[in-house]
C-alpha atoms as a PDB file:
ATOM      1  CA  MET A   1     191.622 -27.077 -78.651  1.00  0.00           C
ATOM      2  CA  THR A   2     192.127 -27.865 -74.865  1.00  0.00           C
ATOM      3  CA  THR A   3     189.988 -30.243 -72.993  1.00  0.00           C
ATOM      4  CA  THR A   4     189.336 -29.697 -69.298  1.00  0.00           C
ATOM      5  CA  ALA A   5     190.745 -32.182 -66.803  1.00  0.00           C
ATOM      6  CA  LEU A   6     188.036 -33.468 -64.143  1.00  0.00           C
ATOM      7  CA  SER A   7     188.564 -32.698 -60.532  1.00  0.00           C
ATOM      8  CA  ALA A   8     188.347 -35.906 -58.310  1.00  0.00           C
ATOM      9  CA  ARG A   9     185.312 -34.766 -56.889  1.00  0.00           C
ATOM     10  CA  GLN A  10     184.041 -34.728 -60.350  1.00  0.00           C
ATOM     11  CA  GLN A  11     185.915 -38.108 -61.470  1.00  0.00           C
ATOM     12  CA  GLN A  12     183.840 -39.423 -57.975  1.00  0.00           C
ATOM     13  CA  ILE A  13     180.491 -37.811 -59.135  1.00  0.00           C
ATOM     14  CA  LEU A  14     180.857 -39.302 -62.902  1.00  0.00           C
ATOM     15  CA  ALA A  15     181.709 -43.124 -61.618  1.00  0.00           C
ATOM     16  CA  VAL A  16     178.654 -42.962 -59.443  1.00  0.00           C
ATOM     17  CA  LEU A  17     176.433 -41.636 -62.345  1.00  0.00           C
ATOM     18  CA  GLU A  18     178.233 -44.401 -65.009  1.00  0.00           C
ATOM     19  CA  ALA A  19     177.626 -47.256 -62.046  1.00  0.00           C
ATOM     20  CA  SER A  20     173.949 -46.572 -61.690  1.00  0.00           C
ATOM     21  CA  THR A  21     171.401 -47.952 -64.581  1.00  0.00           C
ATOM     22  CA  ASN A  22     169.237 -44.900 -63.229  1.00  0.00           C
ATOM     23  CA  GLU A  23     169.176 -41.555 -63.658  1.00  0.00           C
ATOM     24  CA  LEU A  24     169.689 -39.860 -60.350  1.00  0.00           C
ATOM     25  CA  SER A  25     169.008 -36.737 -58.134  1.00  0.00           C
ATOM     26  CA  GLY A  26     171.741 -34.479 -56.531  1.00  0.00           C
ATOM     27  CA  GLN A  27     170.205 -35.682 -52.990  1.00  0.00           C
ATOM     28  CA  ALA A  28     170.755 -39.653 -54.071  1.00  0.00           C
ATOM     29  CA  LEU A  29     174.047 -39.182 -56.117  1.00  0.00           C
ATOM     30  CA  HIS A  30     175.322 -37.362 -52.452  1.00  0.00           C
ATOM     31  CA  ALA A  31     173.948 -40.594 -50.739  1.00  0.00           C
ATOM     32  CA  GLY A  32     175.934 -42.707 -52.943  1.00  0.00           C
ATOM     33  CA  LEU A  33     178.823 -41.073 -52.705  1.00  0.00           C
ATOM     34  CA  GLN A  34     178.803 -41.115 -48.543  1.00  0.00           C
ATOM     35  CA  GLN A  35     178.370 -45.086 -48.756  1.00  0.00           C
ATOM     36  CA  GLN A  36     181.168 -45.053 -50.367  1.00  0.00           C
ATOM     37  CA  GLY A  37     183.163 -42.874 -48.641  1.00  0.00           C
ATOM     38  CA  ASN A  38     183.789 -40.319 -50.835  1.00  0.00           C
ATOM     39  CA  ALA A  39     181.300 -38.002 -48.958  1.00  0.00           C
ATOM     40  CA  MET A  40     180.997 -34.255 -50.276  1.00  0.00           C
ATOM     41  CA  GLY A  41     178.609 -31.464 -49.319  1.00  0.00           C
ATOM     42  CA  LEU A  42     175.433 -31.545 -51.180  1.00  0.00           C
ATOM     43  CA  ALA A  43     176.311 -27.651 -52.185  1.00  0.00           C
ATOM     44  CA  THR A  44     179.296 -29.381 -53.618  1.00  0.00           C
ATOM     45  CA  VAL A  45     177.858 -31.950 -55.193  1.00  0.00           C
ATOM     46  CA  TYR A  46     175.478 -29.927 -57.372  1.00  0.00           C
ATOM     47  CA  ARG A  47     178.483 -27.088 -57.924  1.00  0.00           C
ATOM     48  CA  ASN A  48     180.309 -30.099 -59.548  1.00  0.00           C
ATOM     49  CA  LEU A  49     176.949 -31.530 -61.429  1.00  0.00           C
ATOM     50  CA  ARG A  50     176.584 -28.370 -63.222  1.00  0.00           C
ATOM     51  CA  VAL A  51     180.556 -27.819 -64.015  1.00  0.00           C
ATOM     52  CA  LEU A  52     179.778 -31.338 -65.813  1.00  0.00           C
ATOM     53  CA  GLN A  53     176.830 -30.561 -67.210  1.00  0.00           C
ATOM     54  CA  GLN A  54     178.799 -27.165 -69.048  1.00  0.00           C
ATOM     55  CA  GLN A  55     181.475 -29.911 -69.933  1.00  0.00           C
ATOM     56  CA  GLY A  56     179.281 -31.938 -71.786  1.00  0.00           C
ATOM     57  CA  LYS A  57     180.020 -35.225 -69.524  1.00  0.00           C
ATOM     58  CA  VAL A  58     176.348 -35.101 -67.925  1.00  0.00           C
ATOM     59  CA  ARG A  59     172.769 -34.116 -68.616  1.00  0.00           C
ATOM     60  CA  CYS A  60     169.966 -32.984 -66.680  1.00  0.00           C
ATOM     61  CA  ARG A  61     166.376 -33.794 -66.872  1.00  0.00           C
ATOM     62  CA  HIS A  62     163.713 -31.556 -64.931  1.00  0.00           C
ATOM     63  CA  LEU A  63     161.137 -33.819 -63.589  1.00  0.00           C
ATOM     64  CA  PRO A  64     156.688 -31.617 -63.523  1.00  0.00           C
ATOM     65  CA  SER A  65     157.903 -31.801 -59.254  1.00  0.00           C
ATOM     66  CA  GLY A  66     161.046 -29.257 -60.257  1.00  0.00           C
ATOM     67  CA  GLU A  67     163.362 -32.542 -59.260  1.00  0.00           C
ATOM     68  CA  ALA A  68     166.760 -32.333 -61.343  1.00  0.00           C
ATOM     69  CA  LEU A  69     167.707 -36.218 -62.410  1.00  0.00           C
ATOM     70  CA  TYR A  70     171.277 -36.599 -63.578  1.00  0.00           C
ATOM     71  CA  ALA A  71     172.795 -39.187 -65.968  1.00  0.00           C
ATOM     72  CA  PRO A  72     176.182 -39.738 -67.919  1.00  0.00           C
ATOM     73  CA  LEU A  73     175.302 -37.790 -71.267  1.00  0.00           C
ATOM     74  CA  GLY A  74     175.875 -41.078 -73.118  1.00  0.00           C
ATOM     75  CA  ARG A  75     173.035 -42.659 -71.884  1.00  0.00           C
ATOM     76  CA  ASP A  76     169.793 -43.339 -73.681  1.00  0.00           C
END
C-alpha cells in the first residue's frame, strides 16, 4: 500500500483548516493563507482541496446556498 505525500501547499491548507474551530469556505481559507504569508491563487486552493478530499483528509459540506464548507476529516 502506498501513501501519497502531501505537497507544501496541501500541508498549508490542512494546517489552516486544523487551526480553525469552524468549517471554512474556499474563499475564507484563501484569505487565511494570505494573512499567513502563504498566498496562492483561489483556483489553486480549490484544486488542492479537491485532492485532499480524494485522499480522505478533508470533508466538504454543501450549504443550501451552494457554498461549500471544508474541515479536516477527523473533526466532528
